[in-house]
Amino acid sequence: MKKLLIVLITVIVLIFAYNQYKEYQRFHPDNFNYKSSENIDLEYFNQDVVYNYFEAVQALNGFAAMQLNVNEINVKSPEDDDESTTFVVNEYRKKLAKVKYYEAKLEASKQLKDEGLTNAQIKAKLEGNTAPKNSEVAEFNAKIKSMFNPSSKIRLGEKSAFIYEIQKLLVKKGYDIPLDGVYKNITQDAIYKFEEKNKLFPDGNLDVLTLDALLD
């Protein structure tokens, strides 16, 4: 009789413990909170995005916890589909979309930094400023051409802003020359090689055709 009583008490205790565990699980489900991504760029060029991301994660988890504890609605796995539950679930999804929006930016930046890009390069890439607009290019080319006098041959040792801009163009084309605005042999040789490479008359002298090719 005593053994039977012990068995009954044990069963009752186990049932009570199980019910308590189920009740705990109801309000503290596994993996309930949204965990911020570990693959994000915490040094993102715009720190407001980092702040907004973590703020959005906290707001999301706070909203989910409140709905579960106060309204007994599990926004991740709702048991009902009534109007109030649907409204709450939709609000949760909106907050989740905000988190994902910031998270995508930070993860993309992290990937680019892993590839060796800097904050400045990432900013230009993500904001679509990797190259000047066509109007800006045309305006720049027009300014360079306005500085050029095709009837006057550039002499060795001559120094000018125009020569400096030509040197910049040559450097962009891959020629290793100094940017000093002085027309030396090294600049003339670079022009010669550029003309030869682009099937122009290779004399090392800047003419209209060579200038057009450099600006292309």
C-alpha atoms as a PDB file:
ATOM      1  CA  MET A   1       0.000   0.000   0.000  1.00  0.00           C
ATOM      2  CA  LYS A   2       2.845   2.318   0.895  1.00  0.00           C
ATOM      3  CA  LYS A   3       4.622   1.579  -2.396  1.00  0.00           C
ATOM      4  CA  LEU A   4       1.419   2.259  -4.347  1.00  0.00           C
ATOM      5  CA  LEU A   5       1.030   5.587  -2.571  1.00  0.00           C
ATOM      6  CA  ILE A   6       4.623   6.535  -3.466  1.00  0.00           C
ATOM      7  CA  VAL A   7       4.000   5.598  -7.098  1.00  0.00           C
ATOM      8  CA  LEU A   8       0.827   7.722  -7.193  1.00  0.00           C
ATOM      9  CA  ILE A   9       2.602  10.700  -5.639  1.00  0.00           C
ATOM     10  CA  THR A  10       5.470  10.334  -8.119  1.00  0.00           C
ATOM     11  CA  VAL A  11       3.038  10.233 -11.047  1.00  0.00           C
ATOM     12  CA  ILE A  12       1.214  13.310  -9.741  1.00  0.00           C
ATOM     13  CA  VAL A  13       4.494  15.186  -9.304  1.00  0.00           C
ATOM     14  CA  LEU A  14       5.603  14.242 -12.814  1.00  0.00           C
ATOM     15  CA  ILE A  15       2.279  15.347 -14.288  1.00  0.00           C
ATOM     16  CA  PHE A  16       2.480  18.633 -12.408  1.00  0.00           C
ATOM     17  CA  ALA A  17       6.080  19.196 -13.517  1.00  0.00           C
ATOM     18  CA  TYR A  18       5.175  18.418 -17.122  1.00  0.00           C
ATOM     19  CA  ASN A  19       2.266  20.872 -17.039  1.00  0.00           C
ATOM     20  CA  GLN A  20       4.529  23.523 -15.551  1.00  0.00           C
ATOM     21  CA  TYR A  21       7.106  22.890 -18.281  1.00  0.00           C
ATOM     22  CA  LYS A  22       4.451  23.136 -21.002  1.00  0.00           C
ATOM     23  CA  GLU A  23       3.227  26.388 -19.496  1.00  0.00           C
ATOM     24  CA  TYR A  24       6.789  27.727 -19.449  1.00  0.00           C
ATOM     25  CA  GLN A  25       7.341  26.644 -23.031  1.00  0.00           C
ATOM     26  CA  ARG A  26       4.172  28.400 -24.019  1.00  0.00           C
ATOM     27  CA  PHE A  27       5.528  31.752 -22.864  1.00  0.00           C
ATOM     28  CA  HIS A  28       9.206  30.965 -23.485  1.00  0.00           C
ATOM     29  CA  PRO A  29       9.352  28.933 -26.711  1.00  0.00           C
ATOM     30  CA  ASP A  30      12.729  27.786 -27.993  1.00  0.00           C
ATOM     31  CA  ASN A  31      14.385  30.197 -30.443  1.00  0.00           C
ATOM     32  CA  PHE A  32      11.515  32.638 -29.979  1.00  0.00           C
ATOM     33  CA  ASN A  33      13.614  35.798 -30.153  1.00  0.00           C
ATOM     34  CA  TYR A  34      15.033  36.929 -33.474  1.00  0.00           C
ATOM     35  CA  LYS A  35      18.813  36.705 -33.256  1.00  0.00           C
ATOM     36  CA  SER A  36      20.833  39.379 -35.011  1.00  0.00           C
ATOM     37  CA  SER A  37      23.062  38.136 -37.805  1.00  0.00           C
ATOM     38  CA  GLU A  38      26.715  37.477 -37.004  1.00  0.00           C
ATOM     39  CA  ASN A  39      27.703  38.166 -40.609  1.00  0.00           C
ATOM     40  CA  ILE A  40      27.159  41.938 -40.617  1.00  0.00           C
ATOM     41  CA  ASP A  41      29.508  44.902 -40.962  1.00  0.00           C
ATOM     42  CA  LEU A  42      29.582  46.680 -37.593  1.00  0.00           C
ATOM     43  CA  GLU A  43      31.909  49.319 -39.105  1.00  0.00           C
ATOM     44  CA  TYR A  44      29.430  50.214 -41.864  1.00  0.00           C
ATOM     45  CA  PHE A  45      30.121  53.631 -43.415  1.00  0.00           C
ATOM     46  CA  ASN A  46      26.761  54.888 -42.120  1.00  0.00           C
ATOM     47  CA  GLN A  47      26.623  54.048 -38.411  1.00  0.00           C
ATOM     48  CA  ASP A  48      22.967  55.080 -38.261  1.00  0.00           C
ATOM     49  CA  VAL A  49      22.161  51.915 -40.199  1.00  0.00           C
ATOM     50  CA  VAL A  50      23.932  49.765 -37.585  1.00  0.00           C
ATOM     51  CA  TYR A  51      22.058  51.525 -34.771  1.00  0.00           C
ATOM     52  CA  ASN A  52      18.718  51.262 -36.589  1.00  0.00           C
ATOM     53  CA  TYR A  53      19.304  47.554 -37.216  1.00  0.00           C
ATOM     54  CA  PHE A  54      19.797  46.643 -33.557  1.00  0.00           C
ATOM     55  CA  GLU A  55      16.971  48.960 -32.538  1.00  0.00           C
ATOM     56  CA  ALA A  56      14.683  47.219 -35.032  1.00  0.00           C
ATOM     57  CA  VAL A  57      15.683  43.782 -33.689  1.00  0.00           C
ATOM     58  CA  GLN A  58      14.878  44.861 -30.137  1.00  0.00           C
ATOM     59  CA  ALA A  59      11.549  46.339 -31.208  1.00  0.00           C
ATOM     60  CA  LEU A  60      10.695  43.119 -33.047  1.00  0.00           C
ATOM     61  CA  ASN A  61      11.477  40.889 -30.070  1.00  0.00           C
ATOM     62  CA  GLY A  62       9.735  43.235 -27.639  1.00  0.00           C
ATOM     63  CA  PHE A  63       6.594  43.233 -29.762  1.00  0.00           C
ATOM     64  CA  ALA A  64       6.599  39.432 -30.038  1.00  0.00           C
ATOM     65  CA  ALA A  65       7.113  38.986 -26.285  1.00  0.00           C
ATOM     66  CA  MET A  66       4.329  41.428 -25.423  1.00  0.00           C
ATOM     67  CA  GLN A  67       1.835  39.735 -27.734  1.00  0.00           C
ATOM     68  CA  LEU A  68       2.685  36.346 -26.250  1.00  0.00           C
ATOM     69  CA  ASN A  69       2.569  37.375 -22.597  1.00  0.00           C
ATOM     70  CA  VAL A  70      -0.327  39.845 -22.744  1.00  0.00           C
ATOM     71  CA  ASN A  71      -2.515  38.604 -25.591  1.00  0.00           C
ATOM     72  CA  GLU A  72      -1.325  34.988 -25.670  1.00  0.00           C
ATOM     73  CA  ILE A  73      -0.600  35.251 -29.394  1.00  0.00           C
ATOM     74  CA  ASN A  74       2.453  33.485 -30.762  1.00  0.00           C
ATOM     75  CA  VAL A  75       3.257  35.696 -33.739  1.00  0.00           C
ATOM     76  CA  LYS A  76       5.546  33.046 -35.217  1.00  0.00           C
ATOM     77  CA  SER A  77       3.083  30.175 -34.957  1.00  0.00           C
ATOM     78  CA  PRO A  78      -0.396  31.614 -34.340  1.00  0.00           C
ATOM     79  CA  GLU A  79      -3.062  29.118 -33.292  1.00  0.00           C
ATOM     80  CA  ASP A  80      -5.997  31.250 -34.464  1.00  0.00           C
ATOM     81  CA  ASP A  81      -6.751  33.201 -37.618  1.00  0.00           C
ATOM     82  CA  ASP A  82      -9.241  35.702 -36.199  1.00  0.00           C
ATOM     83  CA  GLU A  83      -9.061  39.384 -37.089  1.00  0.00           C
ATOM     84  CA  SER A  84      -7.043  40.485 -34.063  1.00  0.00           C
ATOM     85  CA  THR A  85      -4.491  37.690 -34.497  1.00  0.00           C
ATOM     86  CA  THR A  86      -4.148  38.435 -38.201  1.00  0.00           C
ATOM     87  CA  PHE A  87      -3.562  42.120 -37.451  1.00  0.00           C
ATOM     88  CA  VAL A  88      -0.878  41.315 -34.866  1.00  0.00           C
ATOM     89  CA  VAL A  89       0.875  38.833 -37.158  1.00  0.00           C
ATOM     90  CA  ASN A  90       0.907  41.391 -39.988  1.00  0.00           C
ATOM     91  CA  GLU A  91       2.411  44.002 -37.669  1.00  0.00           C
ATOM     92  CA  TYR A  92       5.103  41.518 -36.695  1.00  0.00           C
ATOM     93  CA  ARG A  93       5.890  40.862 -40.354  1.00  0.00           C
ATOM     94  CA  LYS A  94       6.249  44.587 -41.010  1.00  0.00           C
ATOM     95  CA  LYS A  95       8.733  44.883 -38.169  1.00  0.00           C
ATOM     96  CA  LEU A  96      10.563  41.798 -39.428  1.00  0.00           C
ATOM     97  CA  ALA A  97      10.789  43.307 -42.920  1.00  0.00           C
ATOM     98  CA  LYS A  98      12.437  46.390 -41.412  1.00  0.00           C
ATOM     99  CA  VAL A  99      15.005  44.205 -39.674  1.00  0.00           C
ATOM    100  CA  LYS A 100      15.712  42.309 -42.899  1.00  0.00           C
ATOM    101  CA  TYR A 101      16.116  45.579 -44.812  1.00  0.00           C
ATOM    102  CA  TYR A 102      18.911  46.812 -42.541  1.00  0.00           C
ATOM    103  CA  GLU A 103      20.393  43.341 -42.219  1.00  0.00           C
ATOM    104  CA  ALA A 104      20.714  42.968 -45.996  1.00  0.00           C
ATOM    105  CA  LYS A 105      22.671  46.242 -46.210  1.00  0.00           C
ATOM    106  CA  LEU A 106      25.058  45.257 -43.435  1.00  0.00           C
ATOM    107  CA  GLU A 107      25.588  41.737 -44.760  1.00  0.00           C
ATOM    108  CA  ALA A 108      26.280  43.058 -48.262  1.00  0.00           C
ATOM    109  CA  SER A 109      28.841  45.481 -46.838  1.00  0.00           C
ATOM    110  CA  LYS A 110      30.504  42.690 -44.845  1.00  0.00           C
ATOM    111  CA  GLN A 111      30.844  40.583 -47.989  1.00  0.00           C
ATOM    112  CA  LEU A 112      32.377  43.480 -49.918  1.00  0.00           C
ATOM    113  CA  LYS A 113      34.851  44.151 -47.112  1.00  0.00           C
ATOM    114  CA  ASP A 114      35.828  40.492 -47.155  1.00  0.00           C
ATOM    115  CA  GLU A 115      36.643  41.060 -50.837  1.00  0.00           C
ATOM    116  CA  GLY A 116      38.956  43.944 -49.885  1.00  0.00           C
ATOM    117  CA  LEU A 117      36.789  47.015 -50.473  1.00  0.00           C
ATOM    118  CA  THR A 118      36.965  50.061 -48.206  1.00  0.00           C
ATOM    119  CA  ASN A 119      34.069  51.992 -46.682  1.00  0.00           C
ATOM    120  CA  ALA A 120      34.429  54.695 -49.332  1.00  0.00           C
ATOM    121  CA  GLN A 121      34.371  52.146 -52.157  1.00  0.00           C
ATOM    122  CA  ILE A 122      31.406  50.344 -50.644  1.00  0.00           C
ATOM    123  CA  LYS A 123      29.503  53.607 -50.292  1.00  0.00           C
ATOM    124  CA  ALA A 124      30.097  54.440 -53.945  1.00  0.00           C
ATOM    125  CA  LYS A 125      29.105  50.933 -55.049  1.00  0.00           C
ATOM    126  CA  LEU A 126      25.945  50.648 -52.948  1.00  0.00           C
ATOM    127  CA  GLU A 127      24.812  54.152 -53.795  1.00  0.00           C
ATOM    128  CA  GLY A 128      25.392  53.613 -57.506  1.00  0.00           C
ATOM    129  CA  ASN A 129      28.152  56.202 -57.843  1.00  0.00           C
ATOM    130  CA  THR A 130      30.842  53.958 -59.277  1.00  0.00           C
ATOM    131  CA  ALA A 131      31.144  56.089 -62.423  1.00  0.00           C
ATOM    132  CA  PRO A 132      30.334  59.684 -63.394  1.00  0.00           C
ATOM    133  CA  LYS A 133      27.093  60.372 -65.218  1.00  0.00           C
ATOM    134  CA  ASN A 134      27.227  60.781 -68.992  1.00  0.00           C
ATOM    135  CA  SER A 135      26.540  64.515 -68.722  1.00  0.00           C
ATOM    136  CA  GLU A 136      29.428  64.927 -66.289  1.00  0.00           C
ATOM    137  CA  VAL A 137      31.777  63.002 -68.588  1.00  0.00           C
ATOM    138  CA  ALA A 138      30.771  65.119 -71.576  1.00  0.00           C
ATOM    139  CA  GLU A 139      31.271  68.311 -69.579  1.00  0.00           C
ATOM    140  CA  PHE A 140      34.717  67.177 -68.410  1.00  0.00           C
ATOM    141  CA  ASN A 141      35.777  66.216 -71.948  1.00  0.00           C
ATOM    142  CA  ALA A 142      34.633  69.578 -73.263  1.00  0.00           C
ATOM    143  CA  LYS A 143      36.744  71.383 -70.669  1.00  0.00           C
ATOM    144  CA  ILE A 144      39.846  69.371 -71.570  1.00  0.00           C
ATOM    145  CA  LYS A 145      39.362  70.016 -75.286  1.00  0.00           C
ATOM    146  CA  SER A 146      38.919  73.739 -74.656  1.00  0.00           C
ATOM    147  CA  MET A 147      42.416  73.765 -73.135  1.00  0.00           C
ATOM    148  CA  PHE A 148      43.972  72.146 -76.206  1.00  0.00           C
ATOM    149  CA  ASN A 149      45.464  74.149 -79.079  1.00  0.00           C
ATOM    150  CA  PRO A 150      46.023  71.729 -81.997  1.00  0.00           C
ATOM    151  CA  SER A 151      48.041  74.303 -83.931  1.00  0.00           C
ATOM    152  CA  SER A 152      50.642  74.607 -81.171  1.00  0.00           C
ATOM    153  CA  LYS A 153      52.928  71.660 -80.513  1.00  0.00           C
ATOM    154  CA  ILE A 154      53.684  70.944 -76.854  1.00  0.00           C
ATOM    155  CA  ARG A 155      57.388  71.418 -76.172  1.00  0.00           C
ATOM    156  CA  LEU A 156      59.530  69.349 -73.836  1.00  0.00           C
ATOM    157  CA  GLY A 157      59.808  71.061 -70.469  1.00  0.00           C
ATOM    158  CA  GLU A 158      56.527  72.896 -70.917  1.00  0.00           C
ATOM    159  CA  LYS A 159      54.347  73.013 -67.799  1.00  0.00           C
ATOM    160  CA  SER A 160      50.597  73.585 -67.645  1.00  0.00           C
ATOM    161  CA  ALA A 161      47.308  72.438 -66.137  1.00  0.00           C
ATOM    162  CA  PHE A 162      46.438  70.862 -69.485  1.00  0.00           C
ATOM    163  CA  ILE A 163      49.547  68.652 -69.394  1.00  0.00           C
ATOM    164  CA  TYR A 164      48.637  67.657 -65.848  1.00  0.00           C
ATOM    165  CA  GLU A 165      45.173  66.524 -67.007  1.00  0.00           C
ATOM    166  CA  ILE A 166      46.727  64.575 -69.895  1.00  0.00           C
ATOM    167  CA  GLN A 167      49.037  62.847 -67.434  1.00  0.00           C
ATOM    168  CA  LYS A 168      46.001  61.894 -65.310  1.00  0.00           C
ATOM    169  CA  LEU A 169      44.354  60.377 -68.381  1.00  0.00           C
ATOM    170  CA  LEU A 170      47.502  58.415 -69.191  1.00  0.00           C
ATOM    171  CA  VAL A 171      47.701  57.107 -65.629  1.00  0.00           C
ATOM    172  CA  LYS A 172      44.073  55.941 -65.890  1.00  0.00           C
ATOM    173  CA  LYS A 173      45.040  54.077 -69.051  1.00  0.00           C
ATOM    174  CA  GLY A 174      47.722  52.225 -67.090  1.00  0.00           C
ATOM    175  CA  TYR A 175      50.875  54.253 -67.765  1.00  0.00           C
ATOM    176  CA  ASP A 176      53.211  54.787 -64.807  1.00  0.00           C
ATOM    177  CA  ILE A 177      54.233  58.423 -65.105  1.00  0.00           C
ATOM    178  CA  PRO A 178      54.556  61.273 -62.580  1.00  0.00           C
ATOM    179  CA  LEU A 179      51.680  63.741 -62.147  1.00  0.00           C
ATOM    180  CA  ASP A 180      53.620  66.996 -62.170  1.00  0.00           C
ATOM    181  CA  GLY A 181      52.176  68.893 -65.147  1.00  0.00           C
ATOM    182  CA  VAL A 182      55.579  68.954 -66.874  1.00  0.00           C
ATOM    183  CA  TYR A 183      55.946  67.583 -70.410  1.00  0.00           C
ATOM    184  CA  LYS A 184      59.029  65.418 -70.020  1.00  0.00           C
ATOM    185  CA  ASN A 185      60.341  62.508 -72.065  1.00  0.00           C
ATOM    186  CA  ILE A 186      58.479  60.033 -69.847  1.00  0.00           C
ATOM    187  CA  THR A 187      55.133  61.670 -70.698  1.00  0.00           C
ATOM    188  CA  GLN A 188      56.011  61.858 -74.391  1.00  0.00           C
ATOM    189  CA  ASP A 189      57.007  58.174 -74.381  1.00  0.00           C
ATOM    190  CA  ALA A 190      53.701  57.261 -72.732  1.00  0.00           C
ATOM    191  CA  ILE A 191      51.813  59.127 -75.455  1.00  0.00           C
ATOM    192  CA  TYR A 192      53.882  57.332 -78.105  1.00  0.00           C
ATOM    193  CA  LYS A 193      53.065  53.921 -76.596  1.00  0.00           C
ATOM    194  CA  PHE A 194      49.409  54.852 -76.270  1.00  0.00           C
ATOM    195  CA  GLU A 195      49.249  55.919 -79.941  1.00  0.00           C
ATOM    196  CA  GLU A 196      50.988  52.730 -81.030  1.00  0.00           C
ATOM    197  CA  LYS A 197      48.634  50.573 -78.968  1.00  0.00           C
ATOM    198  CA  ASN A 198      45.537  52.324 -80.350  1.00  0.00           C
ATOM    199  CA  LYS A 199      46.725  52.209 -83.984  1.00  0.00           C
ATOM    200  CA  LEU A 200      47.281  55.961 -84.211  1.00  0.00           C
ATOM    201  CA  PHE A 201      50.276  57.643 -85.826  1.00  0.00           C
ATOM    202  CA  PRO A 202      52.983  57.017 -83.165  1.00  0.00           C
ATOM    203  CA  ASP A 203      55.018  60.187 -82.904  1.00  0.00           C
ATOM    204  CA  GLY A 204      54.559  60.998 -79.213  1.00  0.00           C
ATOM    205  CA  ASN A 205      52.918  64.304 -80.072  1.00  0.00           C
ATOM    206  CA  LEU A 206      49.435  65.077 -78.833  1.00  0.00           C
ATOM    207  CA  ASP A 207      46.977  65.728 -81.643  1.00  0.00           C
ATOM    208  CA  VAL A 208      43.168  65.775 -81.889  1.00  0.00           C
ATOM    209  CA  LEU A 209      42.878  62.026 -82.610  1.00  0.00           C
ATOM    210  CA  THR A 210      45.162  61.092 -79.720  1.00  0.00           C
ATOM    211  CA  LEU A 211      43.260  63.380 -77.356  1.00  0.00           C
ATOM    212  CA  ASP A 212      39.903  61.894 -78.409  1.00  0.00           C
ATOM    213  CA  ALA A 213      41.259  58.400 -77.784  1.00  0.00           C
ATOM    214  CA  LEU A 214      42.544  59.391 -74.358  1.00  0.00           C
ATOM    215  CA  LEU A 215      39.138  60.836 -73.439  1.00  0.00           C
ATOM    216  CA  ASP A 216      37.287  57.757 -74.680  1.00  0.00           C
END
